[in-house]
């Protein structure tokens, strides 16, 4: 991807993650709304003196375009994986249930009134904001 293409994606939402709306920091990711599954191989790079990942192809390469790409913070992109938006949304909504089941610290913080749960639907930043670009 060219620098200019990456910059255009970053500016789609004024340097904010399309999902959570946080300011993008160094190391931000480009996410494909509809996934592009890459085929990888590891090859030895003589100059770097180590094995490096190389893309050998992709399933749905036609999805490599700015209309299908969003700027994402690393956290959102890593948690989204190659899931659909609705699966990603459902996974986020389930975090509260999981925290109540497994996190003693979460339950204590909630008892002390430091956390207040809501039943708000998960709305992604890009769904509630106009495009800036």
C-alpha atoms as a PDB file:
ATOM      1  CA  UNK A   1       0.000   0.000   0.000  1.00  0.00           C
ATOM      2  CA  UNK A   2       1.296   3.429  -0.915  1.00  0.00           C
ATOM      3  CA  UNK A   3       1.823   6.068   1.766  1.00  0.00           C
ATOM      4  CA  UNK A   4      -0.770   8.314   0.121  1.00  0.00           C
ATOM      5  CA  UNK A   5      -3.391   5.536   0.242  1.00  0.00           C
ATOM      6  CA  UNK A   6      -2.664   4.847   3.916  1.00  0.00           C
ATOM      7  CA  UNK A   7      -2.929   8.582   4.654  1.00  0.00           C
ATOM      8  CA  UNK A   8      -6.301   8.785   2.869  1.00  0.00           C
ATOM      9  CA  UNK A   9      -7.591   5.917   5.027  1.00  0.00           C
ATOM     10  CA  UNK A  10      -6.257   7.573   8.202  1.00  0.00           C
ATOM     11  CA  UNK A  11      -8.083  10.789   7.325  1.00  0.00           C
ATOM     12  CA  UNK A  12     -11.447   9.102   6.603  1.00  0.00           C
ATOM     13  CA  UNK A  13     -12.426   9.783  10.213  1.00  0.00           C
ATOM     14  CA  UNK A  14     -10.065  12.649  11.024  1.00  0.00           C
ATOM     15  CA  UNK A  15      -7.332  10.463  12.557  1.00  0.00           C
ATOM     16  CA  UNK A  16      -9.789   8.476  14.702  1.00  0.00           C
ATOM     17  CA  UNK A  17     -10.429   4.751  14.938  1.00  0.00           C
ATOM     18  CA  UNK A  18     -13.507   3.913  12.875  1.00  0.00           C
ATOM     19  CA  UNK A  19     -14.708   1.567  15.618  1.00  0.00           C
ATOM     20  CA  UNK A  20     -14.075   3.096  19.076  1.00  0.00           C
ATOM     21  CA  UNK A  21     -13.304   6.686  18.005  1.00  0.00           C
ATOM     22  CA  UNK A  22      -9.986   7.001  19.863  1.00  0.00           C
ATOM     23  CA  UNK A  23      -7.188   9.094  18.360  1.00  0.00           C
ATOM     24  CA  UNK A  24      -4.986   6.962  16.144  1.00  0.00           C
ATOM     25  CA  UNK A  25      -1.454   6.532  17.399  1.00  0.00           C
ATOM     26  CA  UNK A  26       1.704   5.199  15.844  1.00  0.00           C
ATOM     27  CA  UNK A  27       1.133   1.591  14.841  1.00  0.00           C
ATOM     28  CA  UNK A  28      -2.521   2.038  13.847  1.00  0.00           C
ATOM     29  CA  UNK A  29      -3.967  -0.584  11.483  1.00  0.00           C
ATOM     30  CA  UNK A  30      -5.901  -0.601   8.231  1.00  0.00           C
ATOM     31  CA  UNK A  31      -8.925  -2.875   8.633  1.00  0.00           C
ATOM     32  CA  UNK A  32     -11.020  -4.347   5.869  1.00  0.00           C
ATOM     33  CA  UNK A  33     -14.750  -4.195   6.679  1.00  0.00           C
ATOM     34  CA  UNK A  34     -15.324  -7.274   4.561  1.00  0.00           C
ATOM     35  CA  UNK A  35     -12.300  -9.443   5.289  1.00  0.00           C
ATOM     36  CA  UNK A  36      -9.463 -10.139   2.915  1.00  0.00           C
ATOM     37  CA  UNK A  37      -7.835 -13.357   4.020  1.00  0.00           C
ATOM     38  CA  UNK A  38      -4.157 -13.281   3.150  1.00  0.00           C
ATOM     39  CA  UNK A  39      -2.099 -16.337   2.349  1.00  0.00           C
ATOM     40  CA  UNK A  40       1.266 -16.132   4.098  1.00  0.00           C
ATOM     41  CA  UNK A  41       4.578 -17.877   3.857  1.00  0.00           C
ATOM     42  CA  UNK A  42       7.834 -17.403   5.728  1.00  0.00           C
ATOM     43  CA  UNK A  43      10.967 -16.846   3.693  1.00  0.00           C
ATOM     44  CA  UNK A  44      14.502 -16.293   4.812  1.00  0.00           C
ATOM     45  CA  UNK A  45      15.708 -12.761   4.068  1.00  0.00           C
ATOM     46  CA  UNK A  46      19.479 -12.781   3.582  1.00  0.00           C
ATOM     47  CA  UNK A  47      19.784  -9.011   4.168  1.00  0.00           C
ATOM     48  CA  UNK A  48      17.845  -9.092   7.438  1.00  0.00           C
ATOM     49  CA  UNK A  49      19.277 -12.483   8.391  1.00  0.00           C
ATOM     50  CA  UNK A  50      15.921 -13.748   9.576  1.00  0.00           C
ATOM     51  CA  UNK A  51      12.662 -15.252   8.372  1.00  0.00           C
ATOM     52  CA  UNK A  52      10.045 -12.728   7.282  1.00  0.00           C
ATOM     53  CA  UNK A  53       6.357 -13.111   6.478  1.00  0.00           C
ATOM     54  CA  UNK A  54       5.455 -12.692   2.823  1.00  0.00           C
ATOM     55  CA  UNK A  55       1.980 -12.484   1.323  1.00  0.00           C
ATOM     56  CA  UNK A  56       1.618 -15.073  -1.414  1.00  0.00           C
ATOM     57  CA  UNK A  57      -1.940 -14.239  -2.348  1.00  0.00           C
ATOM     58  CA  UNK A  58      -5.342 -13.437  -0.906  1.00  0.00           C
ATOM     59  CA  UNK A  59      -8.923 -14.606  -0.843  1.00  0.00           C
ATOM     60  CA  UNK A  60     -11.085 -11.719  -2.104  1.00  0.00           C
ATOM     61  CA  UNK A  61      -8.269  -9.432  -3.291  1.00  0.00           C
ATOM     62  CA  UNK A  62     -10.913  -7.189  -4.893  1.00  0.00           C
ATOM     63  CA  UNK A  63     -11.698  -5.987  -1.355  1.00  0.00           C
ATOM     64  CA  UNK A  64      -8.353  -4.174  -1.169  1.00  0.00           C
ATOM     65  CA  UNK A  65      -9.872  -0.733  -1.787  1.00  0.00           C
ATOM     66  CA  UNK A  66     -10.475   2.390   0.268  1.00  0.00           C
ATOM     67  CA  UNK A  67     -14.263   1.894   0.331  1.00  0.00           C
ATOM     68  CA  UNK A  68     -13.721  -1.391   2.192  1.00  0.00           C
ATOM     69  CA  UNK A  69     -10.937  -0.093   4.451  1.00  0.00           C
ATOM     70  CA  UNK A  70     -11.171   1.718   7.751  1.00  0.00           C
ATOM     71  CA  UNK A  71      -8.561   3.213  10.052  1.00  0.00           C
ATOM     72  CA  UNK A  72      -8.412   1.202  13.253  1.00  0.00           C
ATOM     73  CA  UNK A  73      -6.539   1.323  16.518  1.00  0.00           C
ATOM     74  CA  UNK A  74      -4.494  -1.823  17.036  1.00  0.00           C
ATOM     75  CA  UNK A  75      -6.776  -2.977  19.868  1.00  0.00           C
ATOM     76  CA  UNK A  76      -9.979  -2.840  17.819  1.00  0.00           C
ATOM     77  CA  UNK A  77      -8.408  -4.421  14.753  1.00  0.00           C
ATOM     78  CA  UNK A  78      -6.846  -7.261  16.731  1.00  0.00           C
ATOM     79  CA  UNK A  79     -10.146  -7.928  18.528  1.00  0.00           C
ATOM     80  CA  UNK A  80     -12.161  -7.753  15.297  1.00  0.00           C
ATOM     81  CA  UNK A  81      -9.985 -10.378  13.597  1.00  0.00           C
ATOM     82  CA  UNK A  82     -11.648 -11.143  10.288  1.00  0.00           C
ATOM     83  CA  UNK A  83     -15.121 -11.088  11.823  1.00  0.00           C
ATOM     84  CA  UNK A  84     -18.098  -9.373  10.293  1.00  0.00           C
ATOM     85  CA  UNK A  85     -19.211  -6.112  11.872  1.00  0.00           C
ATOM     86  CA  UNK A  86     -22.180  -7.855  13.478  1.00  0.00           C
ATOM     87  CA  UNK A  87     -20.011 -10.582  15.004  1.00  0.00           C
ATOM     88  CA  UNK A  88     -17.561  -7.955  16.275  1.00  0.00           C
ATOM     89  CA  UNK A  89     -20.488  -5.973  17.726  1.00  0.00           C
ATOM     90  CA  UNK A  90     -21.884  -9.079  19.460  1.00  0.00           C
ATOM     91  CA  UNK A  91     -18.460  -9.940  20.888  1.00  0.00           C
ATOM     92  CA  UNK A  92     -18.069  -6.460  22.377  1.00  0.00           C
ATOM     93  CA  UNK A  93     -21.584  -6.608  23.842  1.00  0.00           C
ATOM     94  CA  UNK A  94     -20.670  -9.923  25.518  1.00  0.00           C
ATOM     95  CA  UNK A  95     -17.629  -8.441  27.317  1.00  0.00           C
ATOM     96  CA  UNK A  96     -19.757  -7.296  30.293  1.00  0.00           C
ATOM     97  CA  UNK A  97     -21.211 -10.778  30.764  1.00  0.00           C
ATOM     98  CA  UNK A  98     -17.741 -12.325  30.628  1.00  0.00           C
ATOM     99  CA  UNK A  99     -16.306  -9.761  33.049  1.00  0.00           C
ATOM    100  CA  UNK A 100     -19.105 -10.513  35.515  1.00  0.00           C
ATOM    101  CA  UNK A 101     -18.343 -14.222  35.230  1.00  0.00           C
ATOM    102  CA  UNK A 102     -14.572 -14.188  35.546  1.00  0.00           C
ATOM    103  CA  UNK A 103     -13.163 -10.918  36.881  1.00  0.00           C
ATOM    104  CA  UNK A 104     -13.147 -10.426  40.623  1.00  0.00           C
ATOM    105  CA  UNK A 105     -11.646  -6.940  40.187  1.00  0.00           C
ATOM    106  CA  UNK A 106     -14.480  -5.951  37.837  1.00  0.00           C
ATOM    107  CA  UNK A 107     -17.152  -7.223  40.238  1.00  0.00           C
ATOM    108  CA  UNK A 108     -15.589  -5.366  43.177  1.00  0.00           C
ATOM    109  CA  UNK A 109     -15.285  -2.133  41.202  1.00  0.00           C
ATOM    110  CA  UNK A 110     -18.957  -2.498  40.223  1.00  0.00           C
ATOM    111  CA  UNK A 111     -20.018  -3.064  43.860  1.00  0.00           C
ATOM    112  CA  UNK A 112     -18.226   0.121  44.890  1.00  0.00           C
ATOM    113  CA  UNK A 113     -20.047   2.095  42.212  1.00  0.00           C
ATOM    114  CA  UNK A 114     -16.963   2.670  40.074  1.00  0.00           C
ATOM    115  CA  UNK A 115     -18.572   0.917  37.131  1.00  0.00           C
ATOM    116  CA  UNK A 116     -22.110   1.348  35.922  1.00  0.00           C
ATOM    117  CA  UNK A 117     -23.355  -1.099  33.333  1.00  0.00           C
ATOM    118  CA  UNK A 118     -25.766  -0.081  30.598  1.00  0.00           C
ATOM    119  CA  UNK A 119     -27.643  -2.046  28.009  1.00  0.00           C
ATOM    120  CA  UNK A 120     -26.697   0.400  25.278  1.00  0.00           C
ATOM    121  CA  UNK A 121     -26.285  -1.105  21.848  1.00  0.00           C
ATOM    122  CA  UNK A 122     -22.758  -1.164  20.457  1.00  0.00           C
ATOM    123  CA  UNK A 123     -22.519   1.653  17.907  1.00  0.00           C
ATOM    124  CA  UNK A 124     -19.266   2.059  16.051  1.00  0.00           C
ATOM    125  CA  UNK A 125     -17.766   5.512  15.631  1.00  0.00           C
ATOM    126  CA  UNK A 126     -18.033   5.386  11.832  1.00  0.00           C
ATOM    127  CA  UNK A 127     -21.783   4.663  12.142  1.00  0.00           C
ATOM    128  CA  UNK A 128     -22.434   7.793  14.150  1.00  0.00           C
ATOM    129  CA  UNK A 129     -20.080  10.269  12.431  1.00  0.00           C
ATOM    130  CA  UNK A 130     -20.055  11.670   8.891  1.00  0.00           C
ATOM    131  CA  UNK A 131     -17.047  10.982   6.701  1.00  0.00           C
ATOM    132  CA  UNK A 132     -14.444  13.738   6.976  1.00  0.00           C
ATOM    133  CA  UNK A 133     -12.819  13.044   3.645  1.00  0.00           C
END
